[in-house]
Amino acid sequence: MNIFLFYDMKFLFYNETKIGCIHTTDKPSKPKIQGNLNIMVDSYLELNCSSDSTTAPAYYISLRPLIYTWYVNNTQLDGETGKTLRSRVTRNHKYNRYSCTAREKLESDRSDPMIINPLCKLL
């Protein structure tokens, strides 16, 4: 006897019988950015954007991860759709504002912007 619990759109099923509704807002939660903001010039910056799905149970997100969009100074970075942004730091990064969004069916609100502090080695 196969027993399964699965999620489809906004309904919860058990053995192909609808057993309940899932209340959603249809867009992921507002993302938060974490990472080391004080970073040496010529090293690599790693910022992580994290958001939670509001349309799927927590265990389901590993099967269908969110898609992330990264922005620098309100300009979208092409090709950056992962949870982690990795970039080589230069002195020119000093006033850049990094933000991100998460997308499932709909796009989340944009995260609060983060500004890194590139550190230079003293000679």
N, C-alpha and C. Protein backbone atom coordinates (compact mmCIF):
# COMPACT_ATOMS: atom_id res chain seq x y z
N MET A 1 0.84 -1.18 0.00
CA MET A 1 0.00 0.00 0.00
C MET A 1 0.89 1.24 0.00
N ASN A 2 0.76 2.07 -1.01
CA ASN A 2 1.52 3.31 -1.09
C ASN A 2 0.73 4.45 -0.48
N ILE A 3 1.36 5.15 0.44
CA ILE A 3 0.73 6.31 1.07
C ILE A 3 1.61 7.50 0.78
N PHE A 4 1.04 8.53 0.21
CA PHE A 4 1.83 9.73 0.03
C PHE A 4 1.07 10.98 0.39
N LEU A 5 1.88 11.91 0.80
CA LEU A 5 1.38 13.24 1.13
C LEU A 5 2.07 14.17 0.14
N PHE A 6 1.31 14.88 -0.63
CA PHE A 6 1.95 15.79 -1.58
C PHE A 6 1.21 17.11 -1.67
N TYR A 7 1.91 18.06 -2.21
CA TYR A 7 1.44 19.43 -2.30
C TYR A 7 1.25 19.77 -3.77
N ASP A 8 0.11 20.35 -4.11
CA ASP A 8 -0.15 20.76 -5.48
C ASP A 8 -0.85 22.11 -5.45
N MET A 9 -0.19 23.12 -5.97
CA MET A 9 -0.70 24.48 -5.97
C MET A 9 -1.04 24.91 -4.55
N LYS A 10 -2.33 25.02 -4.20
CA LYS A 10 -2.70 25.51 -2.87
C LYS A 10 -3.45 24.46 -2.06
N PHE A 11 -3.34 23.18 -2.46
CA PHE A 11 -4.07 22.13 -1.76
C PHE A 11 -3.12 21.06 -1.27
N LEU A 12 -3.44 20.43 -0.17
CA LEU A 12 -2.66 19.35 0.40
C LEU A 12 -3.43 18.06 0.16
N PHE A 13 -2.76 17.03 -0.37
CA PHE A 13 -3.40 15.76 -0.70
C PHE A 13 -2.79 14.63 0.12
N TYR A 14 -3.60 13.63 0.41
CA TYR A 14 -3.17 12.41 1.08
C TYR A 14 -3.80 11.26 0.31
N ASN A 15 -2.96 10.42 -0.31
CA ASN A 15 -3.46 9.33 -1.16
C ASN A 15 -4.49 9.81 -2.18
N GLU A 16 -4.13 10.88 -2.87
CA GLU A 16 -4.94 11.46 -3.93
C GLU A 16 -6.27 12.06 -3.46
N THR A 17 -6.44 12.23 -2.16
CA THR A 17 -7.63 12.87 -1.62
C THR A 17 -7.24 14.22 -1.05
N LYS A 18 -7.94 15.25 -1.48
CA LYS A 18 -7.64 16.58 -0.98
C LYS A 18 -8.02 16.64 0.50
N ILE A 19 -7.03 16.99 1.35
CA ILE A 19 -7.29 17.01 2.79
C ILE A 19 -7.19 18.41 3.38
N GLY A 20 -6.84 19.40 2.59
CA GLY A 20 -6.79 20.74 3.14
C GLY A 20 -6.24 21.75 2.17
N CYS A 21 -6.35 22.99 2.56
CA CYS A 21 -5.84 24.11 1.76
C CYS A 21 -4.60 24.67 2.44
N ILE A 22 -3.72 25.20 1.65
CA ILE A 22 -2.54 25.88 2.16
C ILE A 22 -2.73 27.36 1.89
N HIS A 23 -2.70 28.17 2.93
CA HIS A 23 -2.87 29.61 2.76
C HIS A 23 -1.52 30.23 2.43
N THR A 24 -1.48 30.97 1.36
CA THR A 24 -0.22 31.53 0.89
C THR A 24 -0.38 32.99 0.50
N THR A 25 0.76 33.66 0.42
CA THR A 25 0.77 35.02 -0.13
C THR A 25 1.33 34.99 -1.55
N ASP A 26 1.76 33.82 -2.00
CA ASP A 26 2.25 33.58 -3.35
C ASP A 26 3.60 34.21 -3.68
N LYS A 27 4.20 34.97 -2.81
CA LYS A 27 5.54 35.45 -3.10
C LYS A 27 6.42 35.14 -1.89
N PRO A 28 7.70 34.87 -2.14
CA PRO A 28 8.60 34.54 -1.02
C PRO A 28 8.74 35.72 -0.05
N SER A 29 9.19 35.41 1.15
CA SER A 29 9.41 36.45 2.16
C SER A 29 10.51 37.41 1.70
N LYS A 30 10.53 38.60 2.27
CA LYS A 30 11.56 39.58 1.93
C LYS A 30 12.93 38.99 2.30
N PRO A 31 13.86 38.92 1.34
CA PRO A 31 15.16 38.32 1.61
C PRO A 31 16.02 39.15 2.56
N LYS A 32 16.95 38.45 3.18
CA LYS A 32 17.98 39.07 4.02
C LYS A 32 19.32 38.67 3.47
N ILE A 33 20.27 39.62 3.47
CA ILE A 33 21.61 39.35 2.98
C ILE A 33 22.55 39.21 4.17
N GLN A 34 23.39 38.17 4.11
CA GLN A 34 24.41 37.96 5.13
C GLN A 34 25.75 37.75 4.44
N GLY A 35 26.80 38.14 5.13
CA GLY A 35 28.15 37.96 4.62
C GLY A 35 29.09 38.91 5.31
N ASN A 36 30.37 38.73 5.06
CA ASN A 36 31.40 39.59 5.65
C ASN A 36 31.45 40.89 4.86
N LEU A 37 31.09 41.99 5.50
CA LEU A 37 31.05 43.28 4.81
C LEU A 37 32.38 44.01 4.87
N ASN A 38 33.27 43.64 5.78
CA ASN A 38 34.62 44.21 5.86
C ASN A 38 35.57 43.22 5.22
N ILE A 39 35.98 43.52 4.00
CA ILE A 39 36.73 42.53 3.23
C ILE A 39 37.91 43.17 2.51
N MET A 40 39.01 42.45 2.46
CA MET A 40 40.24 42.96 1.85
C MET A 40 40.09 43.09 0.33
N VAL A 41 40.66 44.17 -0.21
CA VAL A 41 40.74 44.35 -1.66
C VAL A 41 41.53 43.17 -2.24
N ASP A 42 41.13 42.70 -3.40
CA ASP A 42 41.71 41.56 -4.12
C ASP A 42 41.34 40.20 -3.51
N SER A 43 40.43 40.18 -2.55
CA SER A 43 39.91 38.90 -2.08
C SER A 43 38.49 38.76 -2.63
N TYR A 44 37.83 37.67 -2.29
CA TYR A 44 36.50 37.42 -2.84
C TYR A 44 35.40 37.66 -1.81
N LEU A 45 34.43 38.43 -2.23
CA LEU A 45 33.23 38.72 -1.46
C LEU A 45 32.26 37.56 -1.65
N GLU A 46 31.64 37.11 -0.56
CA GLU A 46 30.55 36.13 -0.65
C GLU A 46 29.38 36.66 0.16
N LEU A 47 28.30 36.95 -0.53
CA LEU A 47 27.07 37.39 0.12
C LEU A 47 26.00 36.33 -0.12
N ASN A 48 25.23 36.03 0.91
CA ASN A 48 24.15 35.04 0.81
C ASN A 48 22.81 35.72 0.97
N CYS A 49 21.93 35.44 0.04
CA CYS A 49 20.56 35.97 0.06
C CYS A 49 19.66 34.84 0.55
N SER A 50 18.89 35.08 1.59
CA SER A 50 18.01 34.02 2.08
C SER A 50 16.58 34.52 2.20
N SER A 51 15.67 33.67 1.75
CA SER A 51 14.24 33.96 1.74
C SER A 51 13.51 32.65 1.96
N ASP A 52 12.26 32.73 2.37
CA ASP A 52 11.45 31.53 2.58
C ASP A 52 10.28 31.51 1.62
N SER A 53 9.98 30.32 1.12
CA SER A 53 8.81 30.14 0.27
C SER A 53 7.55 30.32 1.10
N THR A 54 6.53 30.89 0.50
CA THR A 54 5.24 31.00 1.17
C THR A 54 4.19 30.13 0.47
N THR A 55 4.61 29.41 -0.59
CA THR A 55 3.66 28.59 -1.32
C THR A 55 3.91 27.10 -1.15
N ALA A 56 5.03 26.72 -0.56
CA ALA A 56 5.35 25.30 -0.42
C ALA A 56 5.83 25.00 0.99
N PRO A 57 5.60 23.77 1.45
CA PRO A 57 6.11 23.38 2.76
C PRO A 57 7.64 23.42 2.77
N ALA A 58 8.22 23.54 3.95
CA ALA A 58 9.68 23.68 4.09
C ALA A 58 10.45 22.55 3.43
N TYR A 59 9.97 21.31 3.54
CA TYR A 59 10.69 20.17 2.96
C TYR A 59 10.68 20.21 1.43
N TYR A 60 9.74 20.89 0.83
CA TYR A 60 9.59 20.94 -0.62
C TYR A 60 10.60 21.86 -1.27
N ILE A 61 11.09 22.84 -0.53
CA ILE A 61 11.99 23.85 -1.11
C ILE A 61 13.30 23.22 -1.61
N SER A 62 13.73 22.11 -1.00
CA SER A 62 14.95 21.46 -1.48
C SER A 62 14.72 20.81 -2.85
N LEU A 63 13.47 20.49 -3.18
CA LEU A 63 13.16 19.90 -4.48
C LEU A 63 12.96 20.96 -5.55
N ARG A 64 12.53 22.13 -5.14
CA ARG A 64 12.28 23.23 -6.08
C ARG A 64 12.78 24.53 -5.44
N PRO A 65 14.09 24.78 -5.50
CA PRO A 65 14.64 25.96 -4.83
C PRO A 65 14.19 27.27 -5.45
N LEU A 66 14.26 28.31 -4.65
CA LEU A 66 13.94 29.65 -5.13
C LEU A 66 15.00 30.11 -6.12
N ILE A 67 14.62 31.02 -6.99
CA ILE A 67 15.55 31.64 -7.94
C ILE A 67 15.83 33.04 -7.42
N TYR A 68 17.09 33.40 -7.36
CA TYR A 68 17.49 34.69 -6.80
C TYR A 68 17.96 35.63 -7.91
N THR A 69 17.74 36.92 -7.70
CA THR A 69 18.22 37.95 -8.60
C THR A 69 19.03 38.92 -7.76
N TRP A 70 20.23 39.22 -8.21
CA TRP A 70 21.13 40.14 -7.48
C TRP A 70 21.19 41.48 -8.19
N TYR A 71 21.34 42.54 -7.39
CA TYR A 71 21.43 43.91 -7.90
C TYR A 71 22.62 44.60 -7.25
N VAL A 72 23.29 45.42 -8.04
CA VAL A 72 24.32 46.32 -7.53
C VAL A 72 23.90 47.72 -7.95
N ASN A 73 23.72 48.59 -6.97
CA ASN A 73 23.27 49.96 -7.23
C ASN A 73 22.00 49.98 -8.08
N ASN A 74 21.06 49.09 -7.75
CA ASN A 74 19.76 48.96 -8.42
C ASN A 74 19.84 48.47 -9.86
N THR A 75 21.00 47.96 -10.28
CA THR A 75 21.15 47.39 -11.61
C THR A 75 21.26 45.88 -11.48
N GLN A 76 20.42 45.15 -12.21
CA GLN A 76 20.42 43.69 -12.13
C GLN A 76 21.72 43.12 -12.69
N LEU A 77 22.28 42.15 -11.98
CA LEU A 77 23.48 41.45 -12.44
C LEU A 77 23.06 40.29 -13.32
N ASP A 78 23.43 40.30 -14.58
CA ASP A 78 23.07 39.24 -15.51
C ASP A 78 23.73 37.93 -15.10
N GLY A 79 22.97 36.85 -15.16
CA GLY A 79 23.51 35.52 -14.91
C GLY A 79 23.66 35.15 -13.45
N GLU A 80 23.33 36.05 -12.53
CA GLU A 80 23.46 35.75 -11.10
C GLU A 80 22.08 35.36 -10.56
N THR A 81 21.81 34.05 -10.51
CA THR A 81 20.50 33.58 -10.06
C THR A 81 20.58 32.64 -8.86
N GLY A 82 21.77 32.51 -8.30
CA GLY A 82 21.96 31.64 -7.15
C GLY A 82 21.81 32.38 -5.84
N LYS A 83 21.74 31.63 -4.78
CA LYS A 83 21.59 32.17 -3.43
C LYS A 83 22.83 32.95 -3.00
N THR A 84 24.00 32.57 -3.53
CA THR A 84 25.27 33.20 -3.14
C THR A 84 25.85 34.01 -4.28
N LEU A 85 26.24 35.23 -3.97
CA LEU A 85 26.94 36.10 -4.91
C LEU A 85 28.41 36.08 -4.54
N ARG A 86 29.27 35.78 -5.51
CA ARG A 86 30.71 35.75 -5.27
C ARG A 86 31.36 36.68 -6.27
N SER A 87 32.19 37.60 -5.76
CA SER A 87 32.79 38.61 -6.63
C SER A 87 34.14 39.06 -6.06
N ARG A 88 35.09 39.31 -6.95
CA ARG A 88 36.39 39.83 -6.53
C ARG A 88 36.23 41.30 -6.14
N VAL A 89 36.81 41.68 -5.02
CA VAL A 89 36.64 43.03 -4.47
C VAL A 89 37.78 43.94 -4.95
N THR A 90 37.39 45.14 -5.39
CA THR A 90 38.37 46.18 -5.74
C THR A 90 38.04 47.42 -4.91
N ARG A 91 38.89 48.41 -4.99
CA ARG A 91 38.63 49.66 -4.26
C ARG A 91 37.34 50.33 -4.75
N ASN A 92 37.00 50.09 -6.01
CA ASN A 92 35.80 50.71 -6.59
C ASN A 92 34.49 50.19 -6.00
N HIS A 93 34.55 49.13 -5.22
CA HIS A 93 33.34 48.57 -4.63
C HIS A 93 32.87 49.33 -3.38
N LYS A 94 33.62 50.31 -2.95
CA LYS A 94 33.38 50.97 -1.66
C LYS A 94 31.94 51.44 -1.44
N TYR A 95 31.32 52.06 -2.41
CA TYR A 95 29.98 52.61 -2.20
C TYR A 95 28.88 51.81 -2.89
N ASN A 96 29.22 50.62 -3.40
CA ASN A 96 28.21 49.80 -4.06
C ASN A 96 27.17 49.30 -3.05
N ARG A 97 25.93 49.31 -3.50
CA ARG A 97 24.82 48.83 -2.66
C ARG A 97 24.31 47.52 -3.26
N TYR A 98 24.42 46.44 -2.49
CA TYR A 98 24.01 45.11 -2.95
C TYR A 98 22.63 44.77 -2.40
N SER A 99 21.77 44.24 -3.26
CA SER A 99 20.45 43.80 -2.82
C SER A 99 20.05 42.58 -3.65
N CYS A 100 18.97 41.92 -3.24
CA CYS A 100 18.53 40.73 -3.96
C CYS A 100 17.02 40.55 -3.82
N THR A 101 16.47 39.73 -4.71
CA THR A 101 15.08 39.30 -4.61
C THR A 101 15.07 37.78 -4.77
N ALA A 102 13.97 37.17 -4.36
CA ALA A 102 13.77 35.74 -4.54
C ALA A 102 12.48 35.55 -5.34
N ARG A 103 12.47 34.50 -6.16
CA ARG A 103 11.30 34.29 -7.01
C ARG A 103 10.88 32.83 -6.98
N GLU A 104 9.59 32.65 -6.93
CA GLU A 104 8.97 31.35 -7.08
C GLU A 104 8.01 31.55 -8.25
N LYS A 105 6.74 31.70 -7.99
CA LYS A 105 5.79 32.12 -9.02
C LYS A 105 5.88 33.64 -9.17
N LEU A 106 5.93 34.32 -8.03
CA LEU A 106 6.05 35.78 -8.01
C LEU A 106 7.37 36.16 -7.37
N GLU A 107 7.77 37.39 -7.60
CA GLU A 107 9.03 37.89 -7.03
C GLU A 107 8.78 38.54 -5.68
N SER A 108 9.70 38.33 -4.77
CA SER A 108 9.61 38.92 -3.43
C SER A 108 9.88 40.42 -3.49
N ASP A 109 9.65 41.08 -2.38
CA ASP A 109 10.13 42.45 -2.23
C ASP A 109 11.66 42.39 -2.24
N ARG A 110 12.29 43.50 -2.53
CA ARG A 110 13.76 43.53 -2.56
C ARG A 110 14.30 43.62 -1.14
N SER A 111 15.43 42.97 -0.92
CA SER A 111 16.09 43.02 0.39
C SER A 111 16.55 44.44 0.70
N ASP A 112 16.84 44.68 1.96
CA ASP A 112 17.48 45.94 2.31
C ASP A 112 18.88 45.93 1.71
N PRO A 113 19.35 47.06 1.20
CA PRO A 113 20.68 47.08 0.57
C PRO A 113 21.80 46.96 1.60
N MET A 114 22.88 46.32 1.18
CA MET A 114 24.08 46.17 2.01
C MET A 114 25.24 46.88 1.29
N ILE A 115 26.08 47.53 2.06
CA ILE A 115 27.26 48.20 1.52
C ILE A 115 28.49 47.55 2.12
N ILE A 116 29.42 47.11 1.27
CA ILE A 116 30.64 46.50 1.79
C ILE A 116 31.69 47.57 2.06
N ASN A 117 32.67 47.20 2.86
CA ASN A 117 33.77 48.09 3.21
C ASN A 117 35.08 47.45 2.75
N PRO A 118 35.53 47.76 1.51
CA PRO A 118 36.79 47.18 1.04
C PRO A 118 37.96 47.72 1.87
N LEU A 119 38.79 46.83 2.38
CA LEU A 119 39.95 47.20 3.19
C LEU A 119 41.22 47.09 2.36
N CYS A 120 42.08 48.09 2.49
CA CYS A 120 43.35 48.09 1.77
C CYS A 120 44.48 47.75 2.72
N LYS A 121 45.47 47.02 2.21
CA LYS A 121 46.65 46.69 3.02
C LYS A 121 47.52 47.93 3.14
N LEU A 122 48.02 48.15 4.34
CA LEU A 122 48.96 49.26 4.55
C LEU A 122 50.35 48.81 4.15
N LEU A 123 51.05 49.67 3.45
CA LEU A 123 52.41 49.32 3.00
C LEU A 123 53.44 49.70 4.01
